[in-house]
Amino acid sequence: MKKFKYQKISKTKKLRYILNYYKKKLYIVFLPGFMSDVEGKKPQSFKRYAVKKKLGFLALEYFGHGKSSGEFTKGNISIWSKNVELLIKKIIRKNNFIIIGSSMGAWIALNQFKYFKKQIKGFLGIGSAPEFLTRLMWNKFPKKIKKEIVTKGISTIESGQYKYPITHQLIKDGRKNKVLSKKIKSKINVTMIHGQKDEVVPVSFSRKVLATFSKAKKKLMVIKNGDHSLSDKKSMNKIIKELNRVVIDIV
């Protein structure tokens, strides 16, 4: 199942991805979250679904993530969004696709609408976290951490069981990637799925994403007792069921 591929993006850099290739089929594109890879339950579950339904599938590790090239601390939303744009153009080409973004992946997914508006036929967000660098991190950091980030260029932030190296360039780049004030007029199915007990990102963020779509068929699914990752079997079954509903509506 876990057959990984690599796409060269320069002479020295490459991105790791997983693929179910079809020349003229609907694709599912999965964008993982901050510091995530394609070995987790979500990308593997979506790939299994795509194989079963004879659909195309693509999930990638951004620059500095997983086994892709680069140092994580040198990446940012602009770079990671460009990684996705490049792989979609190289691999999916003119095929239509449903885009699924987990946490930060939903932010990067929103950035793809400016390139692939006509090809994106559905959008699912899982614990969506657009603009989290400003709204959930910088704006809530104590003065001491802000000072450390500005003077040293980096600080390691602990959030629950996670540790995040947060750089000044990452925060500044995040401010350039505002998506929540924009309107997307695509007439597609947009479903935001959020855990009721998400300890990282409030459900209000999924509502903010839905508000950016002015003409879509919108739906908010709040999973009772669900956490931020929603990788448990029960949550994944609900997500796959919703994905299948969106697929049936398109195919």
Protein backbone atom coordinates (compact mmCIF):
# COMPACT_ATOMS: atom_id res chain seq x y z
CA MET A 1 0.00 0.00 0.00
CA LYS A 2 2.73 2.45 0.96
CA LYS A 3 4.48 2.98 -2.35
CA PHE A 4 6.09 6.40 -2.23
CA LYS A 5 7.19 8.46 -5.19
CA TYR A 6 9.38 11.57 -5.53
CA GLN A 7 9.04 14.67 -7.69
CA LYS A 8 12.16 16.77 -8.31
CA ILE A 9 11.47 20.48 -7.80
CA SER A 10 15.07 21.60 -8.36
CA LYS A 11 18.50 20.01 -8.87
CA THR A 12 18.80 19.25 -5.17
CA LYS A 13 15.23 19.22 -3.87
CA LYS A 14 12.41 16.71 -4.19
CA LEU A 15 8.94 16.17 -2.73
CA ARG A 16 7.64 12.81 -1.56
CA TYR A 17 4.09 11.82 -2.46
CA ILE A 18 1.68 8.89 -2.81
CA LEU A 19 -0.37 8.38 -5.93
CA ASN A 20 -3.12 6.34 -7.51
CA TYR A 21 -2.67 7.30 -11.15
CA TYR A 22 -5.52 7.58 -13.65
CA LYS A 23 -5.27 9.41 -16.94
CA LYS A 24 -8.85 10.63 -17.25
CA LYS A 25 -10.55 10.23 -13.89
CA LEU A 26 -11.69 12.36 -11.00
CA TYR A 27 -8.87 12.73 -8.45
CA ILE A 28 -8.86 13.14 -4.69
CA VAL A 29 -6.07 15.44 -3.47
CA PHE A 30 -5.19 15.25 0.23
CA LEU A 31 -3.21 18.06 1.87
CA PRO A 32 -1.83 17.19 5.32
CA GLY A 33 -1.40 19.50 8.28
CA PHE A 34 1.50 21.37 9.88
CA MET A 35 4.50 19.03 10.38
CA SER A 36 2.49 16.03 9.09
CA ASP A 37 3.44 13.40 6.52
CA VAL A 38 1.70 10.93 4.18
CA GLU A 39 2.20 7.89 6.38
CA GLY A 40 -0.69 8.72 8.71
CA LYS A 41 -4.16 7.16 8.88
CA LYS A 42 -5.91 9.89 6.89
CA PRO A 43 -3.83 9.82 3.66
CA GLN A 44 -3.67 6.03 3.71
CA SER A 45 -7.46 5.73 4.29
CA PHE A 46 -8.21 8.15 1.45
CA LYS A 47 -5.87 6.25 -0.86
CA ARG A 48 -7.61 2.95 -0.05
CA TYR A 49 -10.95 4.60 -0.82
CA ALA A 50 -9.64 5.95 -4.16
CA VAL A 51 -8.23 2.54 -5.18
CA LYS A 52 -11.53 0.84 -4.29
CA LYS A 53 -13.56 3.39 -6.29
CA LYS A 54 -11.08 3.51 -9.21
CA LEU A 55 -10.38 7.20 -8.66
CA GLY A 56 -7.12 9.10 -8.95
CA PHE A 57 -5.40 10.06 -5.70
CA LEU A 58 -2.54 12.36 -4.70
CA ALA A 59 -1.15 13.21 -1.25
CA LEU A 60 2.17 14.96 -0.74
CA GLU A 61 4.65 16.01 1.89
CA TYR A 62 5.48 19.70 1.62
CA PHE A 63 9.03 21.06 1.62
CA GLY A 64 10.62 20.25 5.01
CA HIS A 65 7.89 17.73 5.91
CA GLY A 66 8.24 13.94 6.19
CA LYS A 67 10.82 12.61 3.73
CA SER A 68 10.63 15.60 1.36
CA SER A 69 13.76 17.74 0.95
CA GLY A 70 14.46 20.86 2.97
CA GLU A 71 14.53 22.14 6.52
CA PHE A 72 11.09 22.59 8.06
CA THR A 73 12.07 25.97 9.55
CA LYS A 74 12.81 27.36 6.06
CA GLY A 75 9.33 26.56 4.77
CA ASN A 76 6.19 28.70 4.91
CA ILE A 77 2.61 28.89 3.60
CA SER A 78 3.71 30.43 0.27
CA ILE A 79 6.32 27.72 -0.37
CA TRP A 80 4.00 24.87 0.67
CA SER A 81 1.15 26.26 -1.46
CA LYS A 82 3.52 26.41 -4.45
CA ASN A 83 4.55 22.78 -3.82
CA VAL A 84 0.92 21.74 -4.13
CA GLU A 85 0.33 23.84 -7.24
CA LEU A 86 3.40 22.31 -8.90
CA LEU A 87 2.43 18.69 -8.16
CA ILE A 88 -1.17 19.18 -9.29
CA LYS A 89 0.06 20.68 -12.58
CA LYS A 90 2.62 17.88 -13.10
CA ILE A 91 0.53 14.89 -12.03
CA ILE A 92 -3.18 15.67 -12.21
CA ARG A 93 -2.81 18.07 -15.12
CA LYS A 94 -6.26 18.87 -16.55
CA ASN A 95 -8.21 16.31 -14.52
CA ASN A 96 -10.91 17.44 -12.13
CA PHE A 97 -10.38 16.84 -8.42
CA ILE A 98 -11.84 17.02 -4.93
CA ILE A 99 -9.47 18.70 -2.51
CA ILE A 100 -9.26 17.62 1.16
CA GLY A 101 -7.30 19.76 3.61
CA SER A 102 -6.47 18.70 7.15
CA SER A 103 -5.80 21.55 9.60
CA MET A 104 -3.16 23.76 7.86
CA GLY A 105 -3.90 21.75 4.70
CA ALA A 106 -7.29 23.49 4.47
CA TRP A 107 -5.49 26.87 4.35
CA ILE A 108 -3.25 25.61 1.56
CA ALA A 109 -6.32 24.15 -0.19
CA LEU A 110 -8.00 27.58 -0.17
CA ASN A 111 -4.87 28.98 -1.84
CA GLN A 112 -5.34 26.51 -4.74
CA PHE A 113 -8.69 27.96 -5.84
CA LYS A 114 -6.92 30.83 -7.60
CA TYR A 115 -5.08 28.33 -9.83
CA PHE A 116 -7.58 25.50 -10.27
CA LYS A 117 -11.03 26.98 -9.73
CA LYS A 118 -12.52 25.14 -12.73
CA GLN A 119 -10.92 21.80 -11.82
CA ILE A 120 -11.86 21.76 -8.12
CA LYS A 121 -15.22 19.99 -7.92
CA GLY A 122 -15.49 19.61 -4.14
CA PHE A 123 -13.71 20.67 -0.94
CA LEU A 124 -13.57 18.93 2.43
CA GLY A 125 -11.86 20.51 5.43
CA ILE A 126 -10.86 18.51 8.53
CA GLY A 127 -10.22 20.65 11.62
CA SER A 128 -9.56 23.53 9.21
CA ALA A 129 -7.02 26.09 10.41
CA PRO A 130 -6.66 28.92 7.87
CA GLU A 131 -4.64 31.90 9.12
CA PHE A 132 -3.77 29.98 12.32
CA LEU A 133 -0.28 31.50 12.46
CA THR A 134 -1.71 34.94 13.25
CA ARG A 135 -5.09 34.13 14.80
CA LEU A 136 -4.16 31.14 16.98
CA MET A 137 -0.45 31.65 17.51
CA TRP A 138 0.98 35.18 17.20
CA ASN A 139 -2.07 37.03 18.60
CA LYS A 140 -2.10 34.73 21.64
CA PHE A 141 1.63 34.50 22.30
CA PRO A 142 2.91 36.17 25.48
CA LYS A 143 5.27 39.13 24.99
CA LYS A 144 8.26 36.99 25.98
CA ILE A 145 7.72 34.50 23.11
CA LYS A 146 7.00 37.28 20.60
CA LYS A 147 10.27 38.97 21.60
CA GLU A 148 12.21 35.70 21.24
CA ILE A 149 10.76 35.09 17.75
CA VAL A 150 11.61 38.63 16.61
CA THR A 151 15.12 38.79 18.12
CA LYS A 152 16.28 35.18 17.61
CA GLY A 153 14.14 34.44 14.56
CA ILE A 154 12.67 31.29 16.14
CA SER A 155 10.99 29.86 19.23
CA THR A 156 9.81 26.32 20.06
CA ILE A 157 6.17 26.35 21.07
CA GLU A 158 4.59 23.57 23.10
CA SER A 159 0.89 22.92 22.52
CA GLY A 160 -0.53 19.85 24.26
CA GLN A 161 1.61 16.89 23.16
CA TYR A 162 3.07 18.80 20.20
CA LYS A 163 6.22 20.92 19.84
CA TYR A 164 6.41 23.43 17.01
CA PRO A 165 9.47 25.42 15.91
CA ILE A 166 7.93 28.77 14.92
CA THR A 167 10.08 31.16 12.89
CA HIS A 168 9.66 34.88 12.34
CA GLN A 169 9.68 34.42 8.56
CA LEU A 170 6.83 31.85 8.88
CA ILE A 171 4.69 34.30 10.89
CA LYS A 172 5.38 37.15 8.44
CA ASP A 173 4.60 34.96 5.43
CA GLY A 174 1.35 33.82 7.07
CA ARG A 175 0.16 37.43 7.13
CA LYS A 176 0.60 37.60 3.34
CA ASN A 177 -1.64 34.57 2.85
CA LYS A 178 -4.98 35.90 4.02
CA VAL A 179 -7.86 33.79 2.74
CA LEU A 180 -10.76 34.42 5.11
CA SER A 181 -11.54 37.90 3.79
CA LYS A 182 -11.83 36.64 0.20
CA LYS A 183 -14.93 35.25 -1.54
CA ILE A 184 -14.91 32.09 -3.64
CA LYS A 185 -17.82 31.77 -6.07
CA SER A 186 -17.44 28.08 -6.99
CA LYS A 187 -20.75 26.20 -7.09
CA ILE A 188 -19.40 23.03 -5.49
CA ASN A 189 -19.98 20.88 -2.39
CA VAL A 190 -18.01 22.32 0.53
CA THR A 191 -18.06 20.31 3.77
CA MET A 192 -16.20 21.34 6.90
CA ILE A 193 -15.68 18.53 9.42
CA HIS A 194 -14.61 19.47 12.93
CA GLY A 195 -14.16 17.63 16.21
CA GLN A 196 -16.41 18.89 19.00
CA LYS A 197 -13.48 18.48 21.42
CA ASP A 198 -10.79 19.91 19.11
CA GLU A 199 -8.10 21.14 21.51
CA VAL A 200 -6.11 23.01 18.85
CA VAL A 201 -8.51 24.82 16.50
CA PRO A 202 -11.98 26.12 17.47
CA VAL A 203 -15.03 25.01 15.40
CA SER A 204 -15.51 28.70 14.52
CA PHE A 205 -12.66 28.34 12.00
CA SER A 206 -14.70 25.84 9.97
CA ARG A 207 -17.58 28.32 10.00
CA LYS A 208 -15.24 31.07 8.78
CA VAL A 209 -14.17 28.85 5.85
CA LEU A 210 -17.79 28.15 4.89
CA ALA A 211 -18.48 31.90 4.94
CA THR A 212 -15.87 32.46 2.20
CA PHE A 213 -17.96 30.39 -0.25
CA SER A 214 -20.83 32.49 -1.59
CA LYS A 215 -22.41 30.02 -4.03
CA ALA A 216 -21.39 26.57 -2.75
CA LYS A 217 -23.54 23.81 -1.28
CA LYS A 218 -22.26 24.17 2.27
CA LYS A 219 -22.29 21.76 5.19
CA LEU A 220 -20.75 21.76 8.69
CA MET A 221 -20.23 18.37 10.36
CA VAL A 222 -19.29 18.53 14.04
CA ILE A 223 -18.14 15.12 15.25
CA LYS A 224 -19.22 14.49 18.82
CA ASN A 225 -16.23 13.84 21.12
CA GLY A 226 -13.91 14.27 18.10
CA ASP A 227 -10.40 15.67 18.63
CA HIS A 228 -8.32 17.81 16.25
CA SER A 229 -6.88 15.01 14.10
CA LEU A 230 -10.11 12.97 13.68
CA SER A 231 -7.92 9.96 12.74
CA ASP A 232 -9.78 7.42 14.87
CA LYS A 233 -11.76 4.73 13.05
CA LYS A 234 -15.22 6.11 13.88
CA SER A 235 -14.36 9.64 12.71
CA MET A 236 -12.62 8.37 9.56
CA ASN A 237 -15.69 6.30 8.64
CA LYS A 238 -17.84 9.44 8.87
CA ILE A 239 -15.36 11.43 6.78
CA ILE A 240 -15.13 8.72 4.09
CA LYS A 241 -18.94 8.52 4.00
CA GLU A 242 -19.14 12.28 3.43
CA LEU A 243 -16.40 12.11 0.77
CA ASN A 244 -18.37 9.37 -0.98
CA ARG A 245 -21.48 11.57 -0.97
CA VAL A 246 -19.50 14.37 -2.67
CA VAL A 247 -17.98 11.93 -5.19
CA ILE A 248 -21.41 10.50 -6.13
CA ASP A 249 -22.69 14.03 -6.68
CA ILE A 250 -19.90 14.67 -9.23
CA VAL A 251 -19.43 11.35 -11.03
